[in-house]
C-alpha atoms as a PDB file:
ATOM      1  CA  UNK A   1      37.722 -69.796 -20.329  1.00  0.00           C
ATOM      2  CA  UNK A   2      34.060 -69.970 -21.200  1.00  0.00           C
ATOM      3  CA  UNK A   3      33.538 -68.483 -24.562  1.00  0.00           C
ATOM      4  CA  UNK A   4      30.109 -66.669 -24.361  1.00  0.00           C
ATOM      5  CA  UNK A   5      27.762 -67.581 -27.391  1.00  0.00           C
ATOM      6  CA  UNK A   6      26.427 -63.966 -27.570  1.00  0.00           C
ATOM      7  CA  UNK A   7      28.695 -60.735 -26.809  1.00  0.00           C
ATOM      8  CA  UNK A   8      28.962 -60.001 -23.301  1.00  0.00           C
ATOM      9  CA  UNK A   9      30.359 -56.350 -22.453  1.00  0.00           C
ATOM     10  CA  UNK A  10      32.815 -56.385 -19.578  1.00  0.00           C
ATOM     11  CA  UNK A  11      33.626 -53.366 -17.932  1.00  0.00           C
ATOM     12  CA  UNK A  12      35.701 -51.987 -14.898  1.00  0.00           C
ATOM     13  CA  UNK A  13      34.096 -49.236 -12.871  1.00  0.00           C
ATOM     14  CA  UNK A  14      34.118 -48.047  -9.305  1.00  0.00           C
ATOM     15  CA  UNK A  15      31.366 -47.380  -6.968  1.00  0.00           C
ATOM     16  CA  UNK A  16      31.380 -45.149  -3.970  1.00  0.00           C
ATOM     17  CA  UNK A  17      32.864 -46.763  -0.893  1.00  0.00           C
ATOM     18  CA  UNK A  18      31.797 -47.036   2.629  1.00  0.00           C
ATOM     19  CA  UNK A  19      32.219 -43.647   4.724  1.00  0.00           C
ATOM     20  CA  UNK A  20      35.525 -42.583   4.993  1.00  0.00           C
ATOM     21  CA  UNK A  21      36.882 -45.419   2.598  1.00  0.00           C
ATOM     22  CA  UNK A  22      38.143 -45.295  -0.921  1.00  0.00           C
ATOM     23  CA  UNK A  23      35.812 -46.290  -3.863  1.00  0.00           C
ATOM     24  CA  UNK A  24      35.048 -49.843  -4.364  1.00  0.00           C
ATOM     25  CA  UNK A  25      36.118 -51.540  -7.821  1.00  0.00           C
ATOM     26  CA  UNK A  26      33.450 -53.464  -9.619  1.00  0.00           C
ATOM     27  CA  UNK A  27      33.183 -55.261 -12.980  1.00  0.00           C
ATOM     28  CA  UNK A  28      29.997 -54.854 -14.799  1.00  0.00           C
ATOM     29  CA  UNK A  29      29.146 -57.988 -17.139  1.00  0.00           C
ATOM     30  CA  UNK A  30      26.333 -57.016 -19.376  1.00  0.00           C
ATOM     31  CA  UNK A  31      24.633 -59.527 -22.067  1.00  0.00           C
ATOM     32  CA  UNK A  32      24.580 -57.408 -25.262  1.00  0.00           C
ATOM     33  CA  UNK A  33      21.436 -57.195 -26.710  1.00  0.00           C
ATOM     34  CA  UNK A  34      19.696 -58.785 -23.833  1.00  0.00           C
ATOM     35  CA  UNK A  35      17.904 -55.704 -22.505  1.00  0.00           C
ATOM     36  CA  UNK A  36      16.026 -55.516 -26.125  1.00  0.00           C
ATOM     37  CA  UNK A  37      14.193 -58.891 -25.341  1.00  0.00           C
ATOM     38  CA  UNK A  38      12.201 -57.465 -22.178  1.00  0.00           C
ATOM     39  CA  UNK A  39      11.437 -54.950 -19.919  1.00  0.00           C
ATOM     40  CA  UNK A  40      14.818 -55.050 -17.828  1.00  0.00           C
ATOM     41  CA  UNK A  41      17.680 -57.421 -16.871  1.00  0.00           C
ATOM     42  CA  UNK A  42      17.931 -59.841 -13.822  1.00  0.00           C
ATOM     43  CA  UNK A  43      20.407 -58.289 -11.523  1.00  0.00           C
ATOM     44  CA  UNK A  44      22.992 -60.113  -9.777  1.00  0.00           C
ATOM     45  CA  UNK A  45      25.443 -58.817  -7.257  1.00  0.00           C
ATOM     46  CA  UNK A  46      28.348 -61.376  -7.019  1.00  0.00           C
ATOM     47  CA  UNK A  47      30.789 -61.500  -3.986  1.00  0.00           C
ATOM     48  CA  UNK A  48      33.540 -63.895  -4.607  1.00  0.00           C
ATOM     49  CA  UNK A  49      34.397 -66.716  -2.227  1.00  0.00           C
ATOM     50  CA  UNK A  50      37.866 -66.625  -0.194  1.00  0.00           C
ATOM     51  CA  UNK A  51      36.815 -65.658   3.539  1.00  0.00           C
ATOM     52  CA  UNK A  52      37.904 -62.029   3.015  1.00  0.00           C
ATOM     53  CA  UNK A  53      41.194 -62.609   2.602  1.00  0.00           C
ATOM     54  CA  UNK A  54      41.580 -64.514  -1.058  1.00  0.00           C
ATOM     55  CA  UNK A  55      39.958 -63.880  -4.326  1.00  0.00           C
ATOM     56  CA  UNK A  56      39.382 -61.322  -6.694  1.00  0.00           C
ATOM     57  CA  UNK A  57      36.727 -60.913  -9.820  1.00  0.00           C
ATOM     58  CA  UNK A  58      39.576 -62.401 -11.924  1.00  0.00           C
ATOM     59  CA  UNK A  59      38.885 -65.794  -9.885  1.00  0.00           C
ATOM     60  CA  UNK A  60      35.304 -65.994 -11.214  1.00  0.00           C
ATOM     61  CA  UNK A  61      35.652 -64.182 -14.774  1.00  0.00           C
ATOM     62  CA  UNK A  62      34.860 -67.258 -16.726  1.00  0.00           C
ATOM     63  CA  UNK A  63      31.684 -68.120 -14.386  1.00  0.00           C
ATOM     64  CA  UNK A  64      30.601 -64.705 -14.442  1.00  0.00           C
ATOM     65  CA  UNK A  65      30.790 -64.454 -18.372  1.00  0.00           C
ATOM     66  CA  UNK A  66      28.549 -67.824 -18.423  1.00  0.00           C
ATOM     67  CA  UNK A  67      26.189 -66.226 -16.020  1.00  0.00           C
ATOM     68  CA  UNK A  68      25.577 -63.288 -17.902  1.00  0.00           C
ATOM     69  CA  UNK A  69      25.602 -65.071 -21.279  1.00  0.00           C
ATOM     70  CA  UNK A  70      23.293 -67.959 -20.259  1.00  0.00           C
ATOM     71  CA  UNK A  71      21.197 -66.257 -17.969  1.00  0.00           C
ATOM     72  CA  UNK A  72      20.985 -62.905 -19.508  1.00  0.00           C
ATOM     73  CA  UNK A  73      21.654 -61.212 -16.471  1.00  0.00           C
ATOM     74  CA  UNK A  74      23.601 -58.081 -15.423  1.00  0.00           C
ATOM     75  CA  UNK A  75      26.456 -58.677 -13.288  1.00  0.00           C
ATOM     76  CA  UNK A  76      28.218 -56.464 -10.677  1.00  0.00           C
ATOM     77  CA  UNK A  77      31.234 -58.442  -9.148  1.00  0.00           C
ATOM     78  CA  UNK A  78      32.458 -56.602  -6.246  1.00  0.00           C
ATOM     79  CA  UNK A  79      36.501 -56.285  -5.654  1.00  0.00           C
ATOM     80  CA  UNK A  80      36.086 -55.955  -1.635  1.00  0.00           C
ATOM     81  CA  UNK A  81      39.095 -55.265   0.131  1.00  0.00           C
ATOM     82  CA  UNK A  82      41.031 -58.022   1.629  1.00  0.00           C
ATOM     83  CA  UNK A  83      42.368 -58.922   5.109  1.00  0.00           C
ATOM     84  CA  UNK A  84      44.982 -58.579   6.666  1.00  0.00           C
ATOM     85  CA  UNK A  85      45.894 -55.465   4.797  1.00  0.00           C
ATOM     86  CA  UNK A  86      42.004 -54.635   5.525  1.00  0.00           C
ATOM     87  CA  UNK A  87      40.807 -56.087   8.594  1.00  0.00           C
ATOM     88  CA  UNK A  88      36.994 -57.352   9.160  1.00  0.00           C
ATOM     89  CA  UNK A  89      34.579 -55.551   8.324  1.00  0.00           C
ATOM     90  CA  UNK A  90      36.520 -53.606   5.422  1.00  0.00           C
ATOM     91  CA  UNK A  91      35.304 -56.458   3.140  1.00  0.00           C
ATOM     92  CA  UNK A  92      32.046 -56.590   4.185  1.00  0.00           C
ATOM     93  CA  UNK A  93      31.433 -52.958   4.190  1.00  0.00           C
ATOM     94  CA  UNK A  94      33.103 -52.683   0.605  1.00  0.00           C
ATOM     95  CA  UNK A  95      30.130 -55.497  -0.253  1.00  0.00           C
ATOM     96  CA  UNK A  96      27.488 -53.551   1.164  1.00  0.00           C
ATOM     97  CA  UNK A  97      28.412 -50.294  -0.421  1.00  0.00           C
ATOM     98  CA  UNK A  98      28.290 -51.917  -3.919  1.00  0.00           C
ATOM     99  CA  UNK A  99      25.042 -53.738  -3.101  1.00  0.00           C
ATOM    100  CA  UNK A 100      23.553 -50.241  -2.327  1.00  0.00           C
ATOM    101  CA  UNK A 101      24.836 -48.718  -5.427  1.00  0.00           C
ATOM    102  CA  UNK A 102      23.684 -51.252  -7.641  1.00  0.00           C
ATOM    103  CA  UNK A 103      20.364 -51.088  -6.203  1.00  0.00           C
ATOM    104  CA  UNK A 104      20.244 -47.185  -6.621  1.00  0.00           C
ATOM    105  CA  UNK A 105      21.547 -47.383 -10.108  1.00  0.00           C
ATOM    106  CA  UNK A 106      19.328 -50.390 -11.291  1.00  0.00           C
ATOM    107  CA  UNK A 107      17.386 -48.432 -13.933  1.00  0.00           C
ATOM    108  CA  UNK A 108      20.651 -46.845 -15.224  1.00  0.00           C
ATOM    109  CA  UNK A 109      22.148 -50.502 -15.470  1.00  0.00           C
ATOM    110  CA  UNK A 110      19.077 -51.922 -17.117  1.00  0.00           C
ATOM    111  CA  UNK A 111      18.172 -53.971 -14.078  1.00  0.00           C
ATOM    112  CA  UNK A 112      14.580 -54.847 -13.242  1.00  0.00           C
ATOM    113  CA  UNK A 113      14.649 -53.893  -9.550  1.00  0.00           C
ATOM    114  CA  UNK A 114      12.331 -56.807  -8.776  1.00  0.00           C
ATOM    115  CA  UNK A 115      15.048 -59.145 -10.159  1.00  0.00           C
ATOM    116  CA  UNK A 116      18.009 -58.364  -7.946  1.00  0.00           C
ATOM    117  CA  UNK A 117      20.131 -61.259  -6.315  1.00  0.00           C
ATOM    118  CA  UNK A 118      23.148 -61.540  -4.207  1.00  0.00           C
ATOM    119  CA  UNK A 119      24.212 -65.354  -4.137  1.00  0.00           C
ATOM    120  CA  UNK A 120      26.769 -66.733  -1.572  1.00  0.00           C
ATOM    121  CA  UNK A 121      29.215 -68.278  -3.848  1.00  0.00           C
ATOM    122  CA  UNK A 122      29.960 -71.712  -2.317  1.00  0.00           C
ATOM    123  CA  UNK A 123      28.672 -71.367   1.605  1.00  0.00           C
ATOM    124  CA  UNK A 124      26.729 -69.520   3.672  1.00  0.00           C
ATOM    125  CA  UNK A 125      29.258 -68.353   5.867  1.00  0.00           C
ATOM    126  CA  UNK A 126      30.661 -65.931   2.688  1.00  0.00           C
ATOM    127  CA  UNK A 127      30.347 -62.078   2.381  1.00  0.00           C
ATOM    128  CA  UNK A 128      26.553 -62.325   0.466  1.00  0.00           C
ATOM    129  CA  UNK A 129      24.651 -63.096   3.414  1.00  0.00           C
ATOM    130  CA  UNK A 130      26.585 -60.787   5.749  1.00  0.00           C
ATOM    131  CA  UNK A 131      26.377 -57.930   3.372  1.00  0.00           C
ATOM    132  CA  UNK A 132      22.568 -58.070   3.631  1.00  0.00           C
ATOM    133  CA  UNK A 133      23.138 -56.840   7.243  1.00  0.00           C
ATOM    134  CA  UNK A 134      25.991 -54.644   7.448  1.00  0.00           C
ATOM    135  CA  UNK A 135      28.704 -54.150  10.343  1.00  0.00           C
ATOM    136  CA  UNK A 136      26.638 -51.376  11.173  1.00  0.00           C
ATOM    137  CA  UNK A 137      23.009 -53.253  11.499  1.00  0.00           C
ATOM    138  CA  UNK A 138      21.727 -51.530   8.695  1.00  0.00           C
ATOM    139  CA  UNK A 139      18.779 -53.518   7.309  1.00  0.00           C
ATOM    140  CA  UNK A 140      18.761 -55.592   3.711  1.00  0.00           C
ATOM    141  CA  UNK A 141      17.540 -53.330   0.789  1.00  0.00           C
ATOM    142  CA  UNK A 142      14.067 -53.686  -0.130  1.00  0.00           C
ATOM    143  CA  UNK A 143      13.636 -55.904  -3.071  1.00  0.00           C
ATOM    144  CA  UNK A 144      17.460 -57.469  -2.457  1.00  0.00           C
ATOM    145  CA  UNK A 145      17.310 -61.346  -1.960  1.00  0.00           C
ATOM    146  CA  UNK A 146      20.120 -63.710  -1.442  1.00  0.00           C
ATOM    147  CA  UNK A 147      19.921 -67.075  -3.035  1.00  0.00           C
ATOM    148  CA  UNK A 148      21.787 -70.090  -2.499  1.00  0.00           C
ATOM    149  CA  UNK A 149      20.938 -72.582  -5.248  1.00  0.00           C
ATOM    150  CA  UNK A 150      23.684 -75.094  -4.589  1.00  0.00           C
ATOM    151  CA  UNK A 151      22.475 -75.317  -0.791  1.00  0.00           C
ATOM    152  CA  UNK A 152      18.870 -75.442  -1.651  1.00  0.00           C
ATOM    153  CA  UNK A 153      18.408 -72.751   1.251  1.00  0.00           C
ATOM    154  CA  UNK A 154      16.507 -69.542   1.055  1.00  0.00           C
ATOM    155  CA  UNK A 155      18.682 -67.119   3.303  1.00  0.00           C
ATOM    156  CA  UNK A 156      15.736 -64.785   3.659  1.00  0.00           C
ATOM    157  CA  UNK A 157      13.487 -67.342   5.364  1.00  0.00           C
ATOM    158  CA  UNK A 158      16.252 -69.264   7.082  1.00  0.00           C
ATOM    159  CA  UNK A 159      14.907 -72.463   5.456  1.00  0.00           C
ATOM    160  CA  UNK A 160      16.405 -75.302   3.832  1.00  0.00           C
ATOM    161  CA  UNK A 161      14.698 -78.077   1.365  1.00  0.00           C
ATOM    162  CA  UNK A 162      15.437 -80.451   4.631  1.00  0.00           C
ATOM    163  CA  UNK A 163      13.925 -78.354   7.161  1.00  0.00           C
ATOM    164  CA  UNK A 164      10.988 -77.677   5.137  1.00  0.00           C
ATOM    165  CA  UNK A 165      10.468 -81.432   4.544  1.00  0.00           C
ATOM    166  CA  UNK A 166      11.126 -82.010   8.133  1.00  0.00           C
ATOM    167  CA  UNK A 167       8.337 -79.685   9.393  1.00  0.00           C
ATOM    168  CA  UNK A 168       5.787 -81.305   7.097  1.00  0.00           C
ATOM    169  CA  UNK A 169       6.697 -84.639   8.229  1.00  0.00           C
ATOM    170  CA  UNK A 170       8.677 -85.959   5.445  1.00  0.00           C
ATOM    171  CA  UNK A 171      12.099 -86.885   4.840  1.00  0.00           C
ATOM    172  CA  UNK A 172      14.404 -85.231   2.205  1.00  0.00           C
END
């Protein structure tokens, strides 16, 4: 278990769910004192892995403490509904609802709206890229950006380091 160098406030909350569904549980990680250092925190909506059938915020708690502590970001971890009890697209709809809530409450949470991110945890087939375009075809929220640093992929542009290098006539 990661022990942060500075205090991180961790609190459970619920946010409005998709139309006709229950509220969505989230866990909010706030680095104590970070908001005093600047004009707003970076914000991260974190969607755990598990292919919509496994996982929970508990699974990545230590990693999220580390992100809040070392990056100084406010992290909203979404406890979306899992299949088979809640068939697809329930988890996707919950993820999108949490993303919309976080964006709408950025100022209240202390997030700089220009610094919101939604990273896919391990692969691009997970919930994060899909949450950008929900099952009803609603577009991404302005200012939201999916980042996948492990894969070297900018999901917003659909280009990897390898494809950019190839386009420029270089090998990666």
